[in-house]
Amino acid sequence: MGSGTPAFGKHSGKMVHIRCRRCGRRAYHVRKKRCAACGYGETATIRKYSWATKTIQRQRIA
């Protein structure tokens, strides 16, 4: 087997991200020891960006 398309089937079974103990999302990188979602393991403040959060849909009273 070469290193091309057929070999990518062998990539399964490896655990890259596990559940984060701070935010609960499956985004904690095992080898980097850092959560991709909240930044746990690297920063004390929770990782948050305006482009990542949805705006609150408020009821308009006309």
Protein backbone atom coordinates (compact mmCIF):
# COMPACT_ATOMS: atom_id res chain seq x y z
CA MET A 1 0.00 0.00 0.00
CA GLY A 2 1.27 3.42 -0.95
CA SER A 3 0.97 6.63 1.00
CA GLY A 4 -1.92 7.95 -1.09
CA THR A 5 -5.70 7.60 -0.89
CA PRO A 6 -5.90 3.92 0.24
CA ALA A 7 -3.62 4.63 3.21
CA PHE A 8 -6.02 7.23 4.63
CA GLY A 9 -8.35 4.41 5.67
CA LYS A 10 -5.69 3.38 8.22
CA HIS A 11 -5.88 6.79 9.94
CA SER A 12 -8.98 5.85 11.94
CA GLY A 13 -8.78 4.61 15.51
CA LYS A 14 -6.37 7.26 16.72
CA MET A 15 -7.75 9.60 19.35
CA VAL A 16 -6.78 13.20 18.63
CA HIS A 17 -9.37 15.11 20.68
CA ILE A 18 -10.96 14.00 23.96
CA ARG A 19 -13.62 15.67 26.11
CA CYS A 20 -12.42 18.87 27.78
CA ARG A 21 -12.84 19.03 31.55
CA ARG A 22 -13.53 22.77 31.51
CA CYS A 23 -15.97 23.31 28.63
CA GLY A 24 -17.17 19.74 28.11
CA ARG A 25 -16.65 19.80 24.35
CA ARG A 26 -14.70 17.10 22.50
CA ALA A 27 -11.91 19.53 21.64
CA TYR A 28 -9.03 18.80 24.07
CA HIS A 29 -5.98 17.84 21.98
CA VAL A 30 -4.21 14.92 23.63
CA ARG A 31 -0.70 15.59 22.32
CA LYS A 32 -0.85 19.40 22.46
CA LYS A 33 -2.56 19.29 25.91
CA ARG A 34 -4.77 22.20 24.90
CA CYS A 35 -8.49 22.61 24.27
CA ALA A 36 -9.29 24.01 20.83
CA ALA A 37 -12.66 25.35 21.99
CA CYS A 38 -11.96 27.09 25.30
CA GLY A 39 -8.15 27.25 25.50
CA TYR A 40 -7.86 25.10 28.63
CA GLY A 41 -4.27 24.05 29.30
CA GLU A 42 -2.82 27.21 27.78
CA THR A 43 -4.77 30.18 29.14
CA ALA A 44 -6.59 30.94 32.38
CA THR A 45 -9.20 33.01 30.55
CA ILE A 46 -11.77 31.18 28.44
CA ARG A 47 -11.11 31.51 24.71
CA LYS A 48 -13.91 33.60 23.20
CA TYR A 49 -14.27 35.42 19.89
CA SER A 50 -17.11 37.55 18.55
CA TRP A 51 -17.09 35.71 15.22
CA ALA A 52 -17.60 32.37 16.96
CA THR A 53 -20.71 33.30 18.97
CA LYS A 54 -24.19 33.77 17.57
CA THR A 55 -26.12 36.94 18.34
CA ILE A 56 -29.12 36.81 20.69
CA GLN A 57 -32.35 36.74 18.72
CA ARG A 58 -34.57 39.26 20.55
CA GLN A 59 -38.35 39.52 20.10
CA ARG A 60 -39.33 42.76 18.35
CA ILE A 61 -42.48 44.40 19.62
CA ALA A 62 -43.85 46.56 16.81
